[in-house]
Amino acid sequence: MLEYLAQNFGYILVAGVLLLIVAAIILRMVRNRRAGRGGCGHGCAGCAHAAFCHPEARREPDKSAAGPGARTGGE
């Protein structure tokens, strides 16, 4: 077993470094997505997929919260 590791140390090292780089990229993408930042790095003004990146922008306002001057209906 040790002979195998000694013969393939270079390959194992390169594979480990590449694996760490890919894991760091994926982790950064997940964190950016959770923080609400898109993955493309451009503005959303002309993007056809803006509704998918920012679904909270298309939500309707909460109608249960009565604003000033709103009628409560029971009077």
PDB file of N, CA and C in Angstrom:
ATOM      1  N   MET A   1       0.820  -1.186   0.000  1.00  0.00           N
ATOM      2  CA  MET A   1       0.000   0.000   0.000  1.00  0.00           C
ATOM      3  C   MET A   1       0.870   1.259   0.000  1.00  0.00           C
ATOM      4  N   LEU A   2       1.896   1.280   0.853  1.00  0.00           N
ATOM      5  CA  LEU A   2       2.774   2.452   0.893  1.00  0.00           C
ATOM      6  C   LEU A   2       3.550   2.613  -0.406  1.00  0.00           C
ATOM      7  N   GLU A   3       3.868   1.506  -1.039  1.00  0.00           N
ATOM      8  CA  GLU A   3       4.581   1.574  -2.319  1.00  0.00           C
ATOM      9  C   GLU A   3       3.697   2.228  -3.377  1.00  0.00           C
ATOM     10  N   TYR A   4       2.435   1.862  -3.386  1.00  0.00           N
ATOM     11  CA  TYR A   4       1.482   2.456  -4.336  1.00  0.00           C
ATOM     12  C   TYR A   4       1.370   3.964  -4.111  1.00  0.00           C
ATOM     13  N   LEU A   5       1.243   4.381  -2.843  1.00  0.00           N
ATOM     14  CA  LEU A   5       1.139   5.798  -2.530  1.00  0.00           C
ATOM     15  C   LEU A   5       2.406   6.556  -2.921  1.00  0.00           C
ATOM     16  N   ALA A   6       3.555   5.948  -2.696  1.00  0.00           N
ATOM     17  CA  ALA A   6       4.816   6.593  -3.045  1.00  0.00           C
ATOM     18  C   ALA A   6       4.959   6.746  -4.555  1.00  0.00           C
ATOM     19  N   GLN A   7       4.521   5.749  -5.317  1.00  0.00           N
ATOM     20  CA  GLN A   7       4.637   5.812  -6.771  1.00  0.00           C
ATOM     21  C   GLN A   7       3.657   6.815  -7.379  1.00  0.00           C
ATOM     22  N   ASN A   8       2.516   7.002  -6.753  1.00  0.00           N
ATOM     23  CA  ASN A   8       1.467   7.853  -7.326  1.00  0.00           C
ATOM     24  C   ASN A   8       1.236   9.129  -6.523  1.00  0.00           C
ATOM     25  N   PHE A   9       2.227   9.534  -5.763  1.00  0.00           N
ATOM     26  CA  PHE A   9       2.083  10.706  -4.907  1.00  0.00           C
ATOM     27  C   PHE A   9       1.741  11.956  -5.715  1.00  0.00           C
ATOM     28  N   GLY A  10       2.375  12.145  -6.829  1.00  0.00           N
ATOM     29  CA  GLY A  10       2.124  13.329  -7.671  1.00  0.00           C
ATOM     30  C   GLY A  10       0.691  13.378  -8.166  1.00  0.00           C
ATOM     31  N   TYR A  11       0.183  12.261  -8.642  1.00  0.00           N
ATOM     32  CA  TYR A  11      -1.196  12.201  -9.126  1.00  0.00           C
ATOM     33  C   TYR A  11      -2.188  12.446  -7.991  1.00  0.00           C
ATOM     34  N   ILE A  12      -1.917  11.862  -6.852  1.00  0.00           N
ATOM     35  CA  ILE A  12      -2.799  12.026  -5.699  1.00  0.00           C
ATOM     36  C   ILE A  12      -2.803  13.480  -5.243  1.00  0.00           C
ATOM     37  N   LEU A  13      -1.653  14.106  -5.229  1.00  0.00           N
ATOM     38  CA  LEU A  13      -1.544  15.503  -4.819  1.00  0.00           C
ATOM     39  C   LEU A  13      -2.302  16.416  -5.781  1.00  0.00           C
ATOM     40  N   VAL A  14      -2.108  16.239  -7.072  1.00  0.00           N
ATOM     41  CA  VAL A  14      -2.797  17.066  -8.071  1.00  0.00           C
ATOM     42  C   VAL A  14      -4.305  16.846  -7.992  1.00  0.00           C
ATOM     43  N   ALA A  15      -4.744  15.604  -7.851  1.00  0.00           N
ATOM     44  CA  ALA A  15      -6.169  15.314  -7.743  1.00  0.00           C
ATOM     45  C   ALA A  15      -6.761  15.948  -6.484  1.00  0.00           C
ATOM     46  N   GLY A  16      -6.041  15.932  -5.397  1.00  0.00           N
ATOM     47  CA  GLY A  16      -6.517  16.554  -4.161  1.00  0.00           C
ATOM     48  C   GLY A  16      -6.651  18.063  -4.285  1.00  0.00           C
ATOM     49  N   VAL A  17      -5.667  18.697  -4.916  1.00  0.00           N
ATOM     50  CA  VAL A  17      -5.719  20.147  -5.112  1.00  0.00           C
ATOM     51  C   VAL A  17      -6.899  20.514  -6.017  1.00  0.00           C
ATOM     52  N   LEU A  18      -7.089  19.777  -7.101  1.00  0.00           N
ATOM     53  CA  LEU A  18      -8.214  20.043  -7.994  1.00  0.00           C
ATOM     54  C   LEU A  18      -9.551  19.846  -7.282  1.00  0.00           C
ATOM     55  N   LEU A  19      -9.637  18.827  -6.463  1.00  0.00           N
ATOM     56  CA  LEU A  19     -10.857  18.576  -5.712  1.00  0.00           C
ATOM     57  C   LEU A  19     -11.154  19.733  -4.750  1.00  0.00           C
ATOM     58  N   LEU A  20     -10.141  20.261  -4.096  1.00  0.00           N
ATOM     59  CA  LEU A  20     -10.324  21.401  -3.200  1.00  0.00           C
ATOM     60  C   LEU A  20     -10.771  22.655  -3.955  1.00  0.00           C
ATOM     61  N   ILE A  21     -10.209  22.875  -5.142  1.00  0.00           N
ATOM     62  CA  ILE A  21     -10.589  24.037  -5.949  1.00  0.00           C
ATOM     63  C   ILE A  21     -12.046  23.929  -6.379  1.00  0.00           C
ATOM     64  N   VAL A  22     -12.460  22.766  -6.863  1.00  0.00           N
ATOM     65  CA  VAL A  22     -13.848  22.568  -7.295  1.00  0.00           C
ATOM     66  C   VAL A  22     -14.796  22.723  -6.108  1.00  0.00           C
ATOM     67  N   ALA A  23     -14.447  22.192  -4.958  1.00  0.00           N
ATOM     68  CA  ALA A  23     -15.287  22.312  -3.767  1.00  0.00           C
ATOM     69  C   ALA A  23     -15.421  23.777  -3.343  1.00  0.00           C
ATOM     70  N   ALA A  24     -14.336  24.548  -3.425  1.00  0.00           N
ATOM     71  CA  ALA A  24     -14.381  25.960  -3.068  1.00  0.00           C
ATOM     72  C   ALA A  24     -15.271  26.745  -4.028  1.00  0.00           C
ATOM     73  N   ILE A  25     -15.215  26.428  -5.313  1.00  0.00           N
ATOM     74  CA  ILE A  25     -16.058  27.099  -6.302  1.00  0.00           C
ATOM     75  C   ILE A  25     -17.528  26.801  -6.041  1.00  0.00           C
ATOM     76  N   ILE A  26     -17.861  25.549  -5.785  1.00  0.00           N
ATOM     77  CA  ILE A  26     -19.246  25.170  -5.519  1.00  0.00           C
ATOM     78  C   ILE A  26     -19.746  25.827  -4.236  1.00  0.00           C
ATOM     79  N   LEU A  27     -18.931  25.853  -3.208  1.00  0.00           N
ATOM     80  CA  LEU A  27     -19.306  26.485  -1.943  1.00  0.00           C
ATOM     81  C   LEU A  27     -19.573  27.971  -2.141  1.00  0.00           C
ATOM     82  N   ARG A  28     -18.754  28.629  -2.907  1.00  0.00           N
ATOM     83  CA  ARG A  28     -18.951  30.056  -3.175  1.00  0.00           C
ATOM     84  C   ARG A  28     -20.242  30.297  -3.953  1.00  0.00           C
ATOM     85  N   MET A  29     -20.530  29.429  -4.922  1.00  0.00           N
ATOM     86  CA  MET A  29     -21.765  29.562  -5.689  1.00  0.00           C
ATOM     87  C   MET A  29     -22.988  29.389  -4.799  1.00  0.00           C
ATOM     88  N   VAL A  30     -22.948  28.428  -3.893  1.00  0.00           N
ATOM     89  CA  VAL A  30     -24.067  28.188  -2.980  1.00  0.00           C
ATOM     90  C   VAL A  30     -24.249  29.381  -2.053  1.00  0.00           C
ATOM     91  N   ARG A  31     -23.176  29.894  -1.502  1.00  0.00           N
ATOM     92  CA  ARG A  31     -23.263  31.050  -0.600  1.00  0.00           C
ATOM     93  C   ARG A  31     -23.788  32.279  -1.326  1.00  0.00           C
ATOM     94  N   ASN A  32     -23.334  32.514  -2.553  1.00  0.00           N
ATOM     95  CA  ASN A  32     -23.831  33.645  -3.333  1.00  0.00           C
ATOM     96  C   ASN A  32     -25.314  33.498  -3.618  1.00  0.00           C
ATOM     97  N   ARG A  33     -25.730  32.303  -3.947  1.00  0.00           N
ATOM     98  CA  ARG A  33     -27.141  32.053  -4.250  1.00  0.00           C
ATOM     99  C   ARG A  33     -28.008  32.293  -3.011  1.00  0.00           C
ATOM    100  N   ARG A  34     -27.565  31.844  -1.860  1.00  0.00           N
ATOM    101  CA  ARG A  34     -28.319  32.049  -0.618  1.00  0.00           C
ATOM    102  C   ARG A  34     -28.368  33.515  -0.225  1.00  0.00           C
ATOM    103  N   ALA A  35     -27.335  34.264  -0.589  1.00  0.00           N
ATOM    104  CA  ALA A  35     -27.286  35.690  -0.268  1.00  0.00           C
ATOM    105  C   ALA A  35     -28.089  36.521  -1.261  1.00  0.00           C
ATOM    106  N   GLY A  36     -28.625  35.888  -2.302  1.00  0.00           N
ATOM    107  CA  GLY A  36     -29.450  36.591  -3.272  1.00  0.00           C
ATOM    108  C   GLY A  36     -28.687  37.196  -4.425  1.00  0.00           C
ATOM    109  N   ARG A  37     -27.430  36.902  -4.510  1.00  0.00           N
ATOM    110  CA  ARG A  37     -26.643  37.408  -5.643  1.00  0.00           C
ATOM    111  C   ARG A  37     -26.699  36.371  -6.758  1.00  0.00           C
ATOM    112  N   GLY A  38     -26.892  36.855  -7.976  1.00  0.00           N
ATOM    113  CA  GLY A  38     -26.953  35.958  -9.120  1.00  0.00           C
ATOM    114  C   GLY A  38     -25.585  35.412  -9.472  1.00  0.00           C
ATOM    115  N   GLY A  39     -25.562  34.428 -10.281  1.00  0.00           N
ATOM    116  CA  GLY A  39     -24.310  33.801 -10.649  1.00  0.00           C
ATOM    117  C   GLY A  39     -23.684  34.328 -11.918  1.00  0.00           C
ATOM    118  N   CYS A  40     -24.416  35.174 -12.663  1.00  0.00           N
ATOM    119  CA  CYS A  40     -23.892  35.594 -13.958  1.00  0.00           C
ATOM    120  C   CYS A  40     -22.975  36.806 -13.851  1.00  0.00           C
ATOM    121  N   GLY A  41     -23.143  37.642 -12.844  1.00  0.00           N
ATOM    122  CA  GLY A  41     -22.270  38.794 -12.665  1.00  0.00           C
ATOM    123  C   GLY A  41     -22.670  40.018 -13.463  1.00  0.00           C
ATOM    124  N   HIS A  42     -23.807  39.981 -14.143  1.00  0.00           N
ATOM    125  CA  HIS A  42     -24.276  41.110 -14.942  1.00  0.00           C
ATOM    126  C   HIS A  42     -25.536  41.677 -14.314  1.00  0.00           C
ATOM    127  N   GLY A  43     -25.960  42.815 -14.811  1.00  0.00           N
ATOM    128  CA  GLY A  43     -27.200  43.415 -14.329  1.00  0.00           C
ATOM    129  C   GLY A  43     -28.403  42.645 -14.846  1.00  0.00           C
ATOM    130  N   CYS A  44     -29.531  42.834 -14.207  1.00  0.00           N
ATOM    131  CA  CYS A  44     -30.734  42.086 -14.563  1.00  0.00           C
ATOM    132  C   CYS A  44     -31.650  42.860 -15.501  1.00  0.00           C
ATOM    133  N   ALA A  45     -31.270  44.061 -15.914  1.00  0.00           N
ATOM    134  CA  ALA A  45     -32.150  44.897 -16.715  1.00  0.00           C
ATOM    135  C   ALA A  45     -32.552  44.221 -18.029  1.00  0.00           C
ATOM    136  N   GLY A  46     -31.643  43.607 -18.719  1.00  0.00           N
ATOM    137  CA  GLY A  46     -31.962  42.991 -19.997  1.00  0.00           C
ATOM    138  C   GLY A  46     -31.943  41.480 -19.961  1.00  0.00           C
ATOM    139  N   CYS A  47     -31.969  40.895 -18.784  1.00  0.00           N
ATOM    140  CA  CYS A  47     -31.850  39.445 -18.652  1.00  0.00           C
ATOM    141  C   CYS A  47     -33.218  38.784 -18.744  1.00  0.00           C
ATOM    142  N   ALA A  48     -33.342  37.791 -19.578  1.00  0.00           N
ATOM    143  CA  ALA A  48     -34.597  37.062 -19.738  1.00  0.00           C
ATOM    144  C   ALA A  48     -34.871  36.151 -18.550  1.00  0.00           C
ATOM    145  N   HIS A  49     -33.880  35.845 -17.759  1.00  0.00           N
ATOM    146  CA  HIS A  49     -34.030  34.931 -16.634  1.00  0.00           C
ATOM    147  C   HIS A  49     -34.081  35.650 -15.286  1.00  0.00           C
ATOM    148  N   ALA A  50     -34.333  36.948 -15.282  1.00  0.00           N
ATOM    149  CA  ALA A  50     -34.340  37.720 -14.040  1.00  0.00           C
ATOM    150  C   ALA A  50     -35.401  37.219 -13.067  1.00  0.00           C
ATOM    151  N   ALA A  51     -36.526  36.752 -13.575  1.00  0.00           N
ATOM    152  CA  ALA A  51     -37.589  36.259 -12.698  1.00  0.00           C
ATOM    153  C   ALA A  51     -37.174  34.980 -11.978  1.00  0.00           C
ATOM    154  N   PHE A  52     -36.287  34.226 -12.562  1.00  0.00           N
ATOM    155  CA  PHE A  52     -35.825  32.995 -11.927  1.00  0.00           C
ATOM    156  C   PHE A  52     -34.741  33.270 -10.893  1.00  0.00           C
ATOM    157  N   CYS A  53     -33.913  34.258 -11.144  1.00  0.00           N
ATOM    158  CA  CYS A  53     -32.848  34.598 -10.198  1.00  0.00           C
ATOM    159  C   CYS A  53     -33.391  35.335  -8.992  1.00  0.00           C
ATOM    160  N   HIS A  54     -34.405  36.170  -9.194  1.00  0.00           N
ATOM    161  CA  HIS A  54     -34.940  37.028  -8.142  1.00  0.00           C
ATOM    162  C   HIS A  54     -36.447  36.843  -8.030  1.00  0.00           C
ATOM    163  N   PRO A  55     -36.907  35.688  -7.547  1.00  0.00           N
ATOM    164  CA  PRO A  55     -38.347  35.465  -7.479  1.00  0.00           C
ATOM    165  C   PRO A  55     -39.057  36.370  -6.478  1.00  0.00           C
ATOM    166  N   GLU A  56     -38.343  36.919  -5.492  1.00  0.00           N
ATOM    167  CA  GLU A  56     -38.983  37.778  -4.506  1.00  0.00           C
ATOM    168  C   GLU A  56     -39.444  39.087  -5.122  1.00  0.00           C
ATOM    169  N   ALA A  57     -38.903  39.475  -6.270  1.00  0.00           N
ATOM    170  CA  ALA A  57     -39.295  40.714  -6.929  1.00  0.00           C
ATOM    171  C   ALA A  57     -40.701  40.610  -7.508  1.00  0.00           C
ATOM    172  N   ARG A  58     -41.200  39.416  -7.791  1.00  0.00           N
ATOM    173  CA  ARG A  58     -42.519  39.280  -8.376  1.00  0.00           C
ATOM    174  C   ARG A  58     -43.591  38.963  -7.351  1.00  0.00           C
ATOM    175  N   ARG A  59     -43.253  38.903  -6.084  1.00  0.00           N
ATOM    176  CA  ARG A  59     -44.244  38.657  -5.057  1.00  0.00           C
ATOM    177  C   ARG A  59     -45.198  39.837  -4.955  1.00  0.00           C
ATOM    178  N   GLU A  60     -46.444  39.528  -4.655  1.00  0.00           N
ATOM    179  CA  GLU A  60     -47.429  40.584  -4.465  1.00  0.00           C
ATOM    180  C   GLU A  60     -47.319  41.102  -3.031  1.00  0.00           C
ATOM    181  N   PRO A  61     -47.669  42.373  -2.819  1.00  0.00           N
ATOM    182  CA  PRO A  61     -47.591  42.928  -1.458  1.00  0.00           C
ATOM    183  C   PRO A  61     -48.567  42.212  -0.538  1.00  0.00           C
ATOM    184  N   ASP A  62     -48.235  42.197   0.723  1.00  0.00           N
ATOM    185  CA  ASP A  62     -49.054  41.547   1.730  1.00  0.00           C
ATOM    186  C   ASP A  62     -50.316  42.370   1.954  1.00  0.00           C
ATOM    187  N   LYS A  63     -51.483  41.774   1.684  1.00  0.00           N
ATOM    188  CA  LYS A  63     -52.744  42.496   1.791  1.00  0.00           C
ATOM    189  C   LYS A  63     -53.310  42.470   3.201  1.00  0.00           C
ATOM    190  N   SER A  64     -52.723  41.684   4.094  1.00  0.00           N
ATOM    191  CA  SER A  64     -53.229  41.615   5.453  1.00  0.00           C
ATOM    192  C   SER A  64     -52.806  42.822   6.282  1.00  0.00           C
ATOM    193  N   ALA A  65     -51.753  43.477   5.889  1.00  0.00           N
ATOM    194  CA  ALA A  65     -51.267  44.646   6.626  1.00  0.00           C
ATOM    195  C   ALA A  65     -52.017  45.872   6.116  1.00  0.00           C
ATOM    196  N   ALA A  66     -52.851  46.450   6.949  1.00  0.00           N
ATOM    197  CA  ALA A  66     -53.624  47.627   6.561  1.00  0.00           C
ATOM    198  C   ALA A  66     -52.768  48.860   6.711  1.00  0.00           C
ATOM    199  N   GLY A  67     -52.747  49.654   5.684  1.00  0.00           N
ATOM    200  CA  GLY A  67     -51.979  50.893   5.708  1.00  0.00           C
ATOM    201  C   GLY A  67     -52.798  52.014   6.296  1.00  0.00           C
ATOM    202  N   PRO A  68     -52.249  53.244   6.336  1.00  0.00           N
ATOM    203  CA  PRO A  68     -52.978  54.385   6.885  1.00  0.00           C
ATOM    204  C   PRO A  68     -54.218  54.676   6.029  1.00  0.00           C
ATOM    205  N   GLY A  69     -55.339  54.892   6.677  1.00  0.00           N
ATOM    206  CA  GLY A  69     -56.565  55.214   5.974  1.00  0.00           C
ATOM    207  C   GLY A  69     -57.279  53.998   5.408  1.00  0.00           C
ATOM    208  N   ALA A  70     -56.801  52.804   5.692  1.00  0.00           N
ATOM    209  CA  ALA A  70     -57.429  51.602   5.164  1.00  0.00           C
ATOM    210  C   ALA A  70     -58.659  51.294   5.986  1.00  0.00           C
ATOM    211  N   ARG A  71     -59.686  50.804   5.311  1.00  0.00           N
ATOM    212  CA  ARG A  71     -60.917  50.429   5.997  1.00  0.00           C
ATOM    213  C   ARG A  71     -60.777  49.029   6.518  1.00  0.00           C
ATOM    214  N   THR A  72     -61.259  48.813   7.711  1.00  0.00           N
ATOM    215  CA  THR A  72     -61.165  47.491   8.307  1.00  0.00           C
ATOM    216  C   THR A  72     -62.367  46.621   7.965  1.00  0.00           C
ATOM    217  N   GLY A  73     -63.445  47.190   7.438  1.00  0.00           N
ATOM    218  CA  GLY A  73     -64.556  46.415   6.934  1.00  0.00           C
ATOM    219  C   GLY A  73     -65.649  46.112   7.932  1.00  0.00           C
ATOM    220  N   GLY A  74     -65.449  46.145   9.199  1.00  0.00           N
ATOM    221  CA  GLY A  74     -66.453  45.775  10.163  1.00  0.00           C
ATOM    222  C   GLY A  74     -67.292  46.923  10.689  1.00  0.00           C
ATOM    223  N   GLU A  75     -67.073  48.119  10.253  1.00  0.00           N
ATOM    224  CA  GLU A  75     -67.752  49.275  10.843  1.00  0.00           C
ATOM    225  C   GLU A  75     -68.860  49.754   9.981  1.00  0.00           C
TER     226      GLU A  75
END
